[in-house]
Amino acid sequence: MSTFDLSAFELYALHWDERDQAITASFEGPLDEVTRRTWEAPPEHDWIRFHLRFAAVDDVEVRDWNYQLPTRVEQVPVGDRVTVTVTGEGTDVRFTSAPAAQVGSRTSKARSF
């Protein structure tokens, strides 16, 4: 999963585990017909939460963390790694890592978590 379109989803948590040099980003958002099939969600489900883990993190820069929506997460492949930026109003976090790996997901009816 070296590239993954996150533009339709909201970042609701960013956790840095300095012991394992990993960052886990948690997202949620609506499912449409196409993404419902992608996530193999039942037809009645219209919402998803998922977590991406970035391992072997280097070069972490946290210039600002105000966390106000919308927050944008971008991944740019650079060789066998990715450069990740998390930006928004008052938010600027950057790091490099191994490509993201999905570590969990759950679909449901909207806001029924």
N, C-alpha and C. Protein backbone atom coordinates (compact mmCIF):
# COMPACT_ATOMS: atom_id res chain seq x y z
N MET A 1 0.84 -1.18 0.00
CA MET A 1 0.00 0.00 0.00
C MET A 1 0.89 1.24 0.00
N SER A 2 1.64 1.45 -1.04
CA SER A 2 2.53 2.60 -1.08
C SER A 2 1.79 3.89 -1.39
N THR A 3 0.69 3.81 -2.11
CA THR A 3 -0.14 4.98 -2.31
C THR A 3 -1.56 4.60 -1.95
N PHE A 4 -2.24 5.51 -1.34
CA PHE A 4 -3.59 5.24 -0.86
C PHE A 4 -4.28 6.58 -0.79
N ASP A 5 -5.42 6.73 -1.49
CA ASP A 5 -6.12 8.01 -1.52
C ASP A 5 -6.88 8.20 -0.22
N LEU A 6 -6.43 9.15 0.56
CA LEU A 6 -7.05 9.42 1.86
C LEU A 6 -7.92 10.66 1.83
N SER A 7 -8.09 11.28 0.68
CA SER A 7 -8.78 12.57 0.62
C SER A 7 -10.24 12.51 1.03
N ALA A 8 -10.89 11.36 0.93
CA ALA A 8 -12.30 11.26 1.30
C ALA A 8 -12.51 10.95 2.79
N PHE A 9 -11.42 10.81 3.54
CA PHE A 9 -11.53 10.39 4.93
C PHE A 9 -10.94 11.43 5.87
N GLU A 10 -11.49 11.50 7.09
CA GLU A 10 -10.99 12.43 8.10
C GLU A 10 -10.03 11.71 9.03
N LEU A 11 -8.89 12.34 9.30
CA LEU A 11 -7.95 11.84 10.29
C LEU A 11 -8.52 12.17 11.66
N TYR A 12 -8.71 11.17 12.52
CA TYR A 12 -9.21 11.48 13.85
C TYR A 12 -8.21 11.15 14.95
N ALA A 13 -7.09 10.50 14.63
CA ALA A 13 -6.05 10.25 15.63
C ALA A 13 -4.73 10.00 14.93
N LEU A 14 -3.67 10.45 15.57
CA LEU A 14 -2.32 10.22 15.09
C LEU A 14 -1.50 9.84 16.32
N HIS A 15 -0.98 8.60 16.32
CA HIS A 15 -0.27 8.10 17.50
C HIS A 15 1.16 7.73 17.11
N TRP A 16 2.12 8.32 17.81
CA TRP A 16 3.53 8.02 17.56
C TRP A 16 4.03 7.10 18.65
N ASP A 17 4.46 5.91 18.27
CA ASP A 17 5.05 4.95 19.20
C ASP A 17 6.56 5.01 19.00
N GLU A 18 7.22 5.78 19.84
CA GLU A 18 8.66 5.98 19.66
C GLU A 18 9.47 4.73 19.96
N ARG A 19 8.93 3.80 20.72
CA ARG A 19 9.65 2.55 21.01
C ARG A 19 9.81 1.71 19.75
N ASP A 20 8.76 1.65 18.94
CA ASP A 20 8.79 0.87 17.70
C ASP A 20 9.07 1.73 16.47
N GLN A 21 9.30 3.04 16.68
CA GLN A 21 9.50 3.95 15.57
C GLN A 21 8.38 3.81 14.54
N ALA A 22 7.14 3.87 15.04
CA ALA A 22 5.97 3.73 14.16
C ALA A 22 4.95 4.82 14.47
N ILE A 23 4.20 5.18 13.45
CA ILE A 23 3.09 6.13 13.61
C ILE A 23 1.84 5.45 13.06
N THR A 24 0.78 5.47 13.87
CA THR A 24 -0.51 4.93 13.42
C THR A 24 -1.47 6.09 13.22
N ALA A 25 -2.04 6.15 12.04
CA ALA A 25 -3.02 7.17 11.69
C ALA A 25 -4.38 6.51 11.59
N SER A 26 -5.38 7.10 12.25
CA SER A 26 -6.74 6.55 12.25
C SER A 26 -7.66 7.48 11.49
N PHE A 27 -8.46 6.89 10.62
CA PHE A 27 -9.33 7.64 9.72
C PHE A 27 -10.76 7.13 9.81
N GLU A 28 -11.70 7.98 9.42
CA GLU A 28 -13.09 7.56 9.26
C GLU A 28 -13.72 8.38 8.16
N GLY A 29 -14.81 7.83 7.61
CA GLY A 29 -15.51 8.56 6.56
C GLY A 29 -16.59 7.74 5.92
N PRO A 30 -17.32 8.38 5.01
CA PRO A 30 -18.44 7.72 4.36
C PRO A 30 -17.99 6.73 3.29
N LEU A 31 -18.83 5.74 3.07
CA LEU A 31 -18.64 4.77 1.98
C LEU A 31 -19.66 5.06 0.89
N ASP A 32 -19.20 5.09 -0.35
CA ASP A 32 -20.12 5.15 -1.47
C ASP A 32 -20.14 3.76 -2.10
N GLU A 33 -20.79 3.60 -3.22
CA GLU A 33 -20.90 2.28 -3.84
C GLU A 33 -19.54 1.68 -4.18
N VAL A 34 -18.65 2.49 -4.72
CA VAL A 34 -17.33 1.99 -5.11
C VAL A 34 -16.50 1.61 -3.89
N THR A 35 -16.43 2.51 -2.91
CA THR A 35 -15.60 2.21 -1.73
C THR A 35 -16.22 1.10 -0.88
N ARG A 36 -17.53 0.95 -0.92
CA ARG A 36 -18.17 -0.15 -0.18
C ARG A 36 -17.65 -1.49 -0.72
N ARG A 37 -17.54 -1.60 -2.03
CA ARG A 37 -16.99 -2.84 -2.63
C ARG A 37 -15.51 -2.99 -2.29
N THR A 38 -14.77 -1.90 -2.36
CA THR A 38 -13.34 -1.94 -2.05
C THR A 38 -13.10 -2.48 -0.64
N TRP A 39 -13.91 -2.04 0.31
CA TRP A 39 -13.75 -2.45 1.70
C TRP A 39 -14.57 -3.69 2.03
N GLU A 40 -15.25 -4.25 1.03
CA GLU A 40 -16.07 -5.45 1.21
C GLU A 40 -17.10 -5.27 2.34
N ALA A 41 -17.75 -4.13 2.33
CA ALA A 41 -18.74 -3.79 3.35
C ALA A 41 -20.12 -4.29 2.93
N PRO A 42 -20.94 -4.69 3.90
CA PRO A 42 -22.31 -5.07 3.58
C PRO A 42 -23.07 -3.88 2.97
N PRO A 43 -24.10 -4.16 2.17
CA PRO A 43 -24.82 -3.08 1.47
C PRO A 43 -25.42 -2.03 2.40
N GLU A 44 -25.79 -2.41 3.61
CA GLU A 44 -26.40 -1.43 4.53
C GLU A 44 -25.37 -0.55 5.24
N HIS A 45 -24.09 -0.87 5.12
CA HIS A 45 -23.05 -0.07 5.77
C HIS A 45 -22.66 1.13 4.91
N ASP A 46 -22.53 2.27 5.55
CA ASP A 46 -22.18 3.49 4.82
C ASP A 46 -21.08 4.29 5.51
N TRP A 47 -20.35 3.67 6.44
CA TRP A 47 -19.31 4.37 7.19
C TRP A 47 -18.16 3.41 7.45
N ILE A 48 -16.94 3.95 7.47
CA ILE A 48 -15.77 3.11 7.77
C ILE A 48 -14.82 3.83 8.71
N ARG A 49 -14.17 3.05 9.54
CA ARG A 49 -13.03 3.48 10.34
C ARG A 49 -11.90 2.53 10.01
N PHE A 50 -10.71 3.08 9.80
CA PHE A 50 -9.56 2.22 9.52
C PHE A 50 -8.29 2.87 10.07
N HIS A 51 -7.27 2.03 10.21
CA HIS A 51 -6.00 2.47 10.79
C HIS A 51 -4.87 2.07 9.86
N LEU A 52 -3.95 3.00 9.62
CA LEU A 52 -2.77 2.74 8.83
C LEU A 52 -1.55 2.89 9.73
N ARG A 53 -0.64 1.94 9.63
CA ARG A 53 0.58 1.98 10.43
C ARG A 53 1.77 2.25 9.51
N PHE A 54 2.52 3.27 9.87
CA PHE A 54 3.73 3.62 9.16
C PHE A 54 4.90 3.16 10.03
N ALA A 55 5.69 2.20 9.55
CA ALA A 55 6.79 1.63 10.32
C ALA A 55 8.12 2.23 9.87
N ALA A 56 9.15 2.00 10.68
CA ALA A 56 10.51 2.46 10.37
C ALA A 56 10.52 3.97 10.09
N VAL A 57 9.88 4.71 10.99
CA VAL A 57 9.72 6.16 10.83
C VAL A 57 11.04 6.87 11.10
N ASP A 58 11.37 7.81 10.22
CA ASP A 58 12.55 8.68 10.35
C ASP A 58 12.14 10.11 10.10
N ASP A 59 13.03 11.02 10.47
CA ASP A 59 12.89 12.43 10.11
C ASP A 59 11.55 13.03 10.51
N VAL A 60 11.10 12.77 11.73
CA VAL A 60 9.82 13.32 12.20
C VAL A 60 10.00 14.80 12.50
N GLU A 61 9.12 15.60 11.92
CA GLU A 61 9.08 17.03 12.20
C GLU A 61 7.65 17.40 12.59
N VAL A 62 7.49 17.95 13.78
CA VAL A 62 6.19 18.47 14.20
C VAL A 62 6.37 19.96 14.38
N ARG A 63 5.93 20.69 13.39
CA ARG A 63 6.07 22.15 13.43
C ARG A 63 4.89 22.79 14.14
N ASP A 64 3.74 22.14 14.03
CA ASP A 64 2.51 22.66 14.64
C ASP A 64 1.52 21.52 14.78
N TRP A 65 0.72 21.56 15.84
CA TRP A 65 -0.34 20.57 16.00
C TRP A 65 -1.52 21.26 16.67
N ASN A 66 -2.48 21.66 15.86
CA ASN A 66 -3.66 22.34 16.35
C ASN A 66 -4.90 21.48 16.12
N TYR A 67 -4.76 20.49 15.27
CA TYR A 67 -5.80 19.55 14.89
C TYR A 67 -7.18 20.17 14.77
N GLN A 68 -7.38 20.81 13.69
CA GLN A 68 -8.71 21.30 13.32
C GLN A 68 -9.03 20.74 11.95
N LEU A 69 -10.23 20.24 11.79
CA LEU A 69 -10.64 19.71 10.50
C LEU A 69 -10.85 20.85 9.51
N PRO A 70 -10.60 20.67 8.25
CA PRO A 70 -10.09 19.43 7.67
C PRO A 70 -8.58 19.33 7.82
N THR A 71 -8.09 18.12 8.02
CA THR A 71 -6.67 17.82 8.06
C THR A 71 -6.37 16.93 6.87
N ARG A 72 -5.35 17.25 6.14
CA ARG A 72 -5.00 16.52 4.92
C ARG A 72 -3.78 15.64 5.17
N VAL A 73 -3.84 14.39 4.73
CA VAL A 73 -2.71 13.47 4.84
C VAL A 73 -2.31 13.06 3.43
N GLU A 74 -1.06 13.31 3.10
CA GLU A 74 -0.56 12.96 1.77
C GLU A 74 0.64 12.03 1.91
N GLN A 75 0.71 11.03 1.01
CA GLN A 75 1.84 10.12 0.94
C GLN A 75 2.46 10.25 -0.45
N VAL A 76 3.77 10.42 -0.48
CA VAL A 76 4.49 10.50 -1.74
C VAL A 76 5.57 9.42 -1.73
N PRO A 77 5.48 8.45 -2.65
CA PRO A 77 6.50 7.41 -2.72
C PRO A 77 7.87 7.99 -3.08
N VAL A 78 8.90 7.56 -2.36
CA VAL A 78 10.28 7.95 -2.63
C VAL A 78 11.11 6.68 -2.53
N GLY A 79 11.34 6.04 -3.66
CA GLY A 79 12.03 4.75 -3.66
C GLY A 79 11.15 3.71 -2.96
N ASP A 80 11.72 3.02 -1.99
CA ASP A 80 10.95 2.00 -1.26
C ASP A 80 10.33 2.55 0.02
N ARG A 81 10.32 3.87 0.17
CA ARG A 81 9.75 4.54 1.35
C ARG A 81 8.70 5.55 0.90
N VAL A 82 8.05 6.19 1.86
CA VAL A 82 7.11 7.26 1.57
C VAL A 82 7.42 8.47 2.43
N THR A 83 7.16 9.63 1.87
CA THR A 83 7.20 10.87 2.64
C THR A 83 5.75 11.21 2.96
N VAL A 84 5.45 11.42 4.23
CA VAL A 84 4.08 11.68 4.67
C VAL A 84 3.99 13.08 5.24
N THR A 85 2.97 13.82 4.83
CA THR A 85 2.70 15.14 5.40
C THR A 85 1.27 15.17 5.92
N VAL A 86 1.12 15.73 7.10
CA VAL A 86 -0.19 15.92 7.72
C VAL A 86 -0.32 17.42 7.92
N THR A 87 -1.24 18.04 7.17
CA THR A 87 -1.36 19.48 7.22
C THR A 87 -2.82 19.90 7.40
N GLY A 88 -2.99 21.09 7.87
CA GLY A 88 -4.31 21.68 8.06
C GLY A 88 -4.11 23.00 8.77
N GLU A 89 -5.18 23.65 9.14
CA GLU A 89 -5.07 24.92 9.84
C GLU A 89 -4.37 24.69 11.18
N GLY A 90 -3.16 25.22 11.31
CA GLY A 90 -2.40 25.08 12.54
C GLY A 90 -1.77 23.71 12.73
N THR A 91 -1.73 22.89 11.69
CA THR A 91 -1.13 21.55 11.77
C THR A 91 -0.11 21.37 10.67
N ASP A 92 1.09 20.93 11.06
CA ASP A 92 2.14 20.62 10.10
C ASP A 92 3.04 19.54 10.69
N VAL A 93 2.83 18.29 10.26
CA VAL A 93 3.61 17.14 10.71
C VAL A 93 4.15 16.45 9.47
N ARG A 94 5.44 16.07 9.53
CA ARG A 94 6.07 15.43 8.37
C ARG A 94 6.98 14.31 8.86
N PHE A 95 7.04 13.22 8.07
CA PHE A 95 7.97 12.14 8.38
C PHE A 95 8.15 11.26 7.15
N THR A 96 9.17 10.42 7.20
CA THR A 96 9.37 9.40 6.18
C THR A 96 9.23 8.05 6.86
N SER A 97 8.81 7.05 6.08
CA SER A 97 8.58 5.72 6.66
C SER A 97 8.52 4.66 5.57
N ALA A 98 8.38 3.42 6.02
CA ALA A 98 8.03 2.35 5.10
C ALA A 98 6.60 2.64 4.62
N PRO A 99 6.20 2.08 3.48
CA PRO A 99 4.82 2.29 3.03
C PRO A 99 3.82 1.86 4.09
N ALA A 100 2.69 2.52 4.11
CA ALA A 100 1.65 2.26 5.11
C ALA A 100 1.11 0.84 4.98
N ALA A 101 0.79 0.26 6.13
CA ALA A 101 0.14 -1.05 6.16
C ALA A 101 -1.17 -0.89 6.92
N GLN A 102 -2.23 -1.42 6.36
CA GLN A 102 -3.53 -1.37 7.04
C GLN A 102 -3.48 -2.33 8.23
N VAL A 103 -3.84 -1.84 9.41
CA VAL A 103 -3.80 -2.68 10.61
C VAL A 103 -5.17 -2.90 11.22
N GLY A 104 -6.20 -2.43 10.58
CA GLY A 104 -7.54 -2.67 11.08
C GLY A 104 -8.55 -1.80 10.36
N SER A 105 -9.77 -2.33 10.25
CA SER A 105 -10.86 -1.54 9.68
C SER A 105 -12.18 -2.11 10.18
N ARG A 106 -13.18 -1.24 10.14
CA ARG A 106 -14.52 -1.65 10.56
C ARG A 106 -15.53 -0.78 9.83
N THR A 107 -16.50 -1.43 9.21
CA THR A 107 -17.57 -0.70 8.56
C THR A 107 -18.83 -0.79 9.42
N SER A 108 -19.72 0.18 9.22
CA SER A 108 -20.96 0.20 10.00
C SER A 108 -21.96 1.12 9.32
N LYS A 109 -23.13 1.25 9.92
CA LYS A 109 -24.06 2.30 9.55
C LYS A 109 -23.49 3.59 10.14
N ALA A 110 -23.74 4.70 9.50
CA ALA A 110 -23.14 5.97 9.89
C ALA A 110 -23.26 6.22 11.39
N ARG A 111 -22.11 6.52 11.95
CA ARG A 111 -21.99 6.93 13.36
C ARG A 111 -22.58 5.95 14.36
N SER A 112 -22.52 4.67 14.06
CA SER A 112 -23.07 3.69 15.01
C SER A 112 -21.97 3.01 15.82
N PHE A 113 -20.79 3.59 15.86
CA PHE A 113 -19.67 3.00 16.60
C PHE A 113 -19.90 3.11 18.08
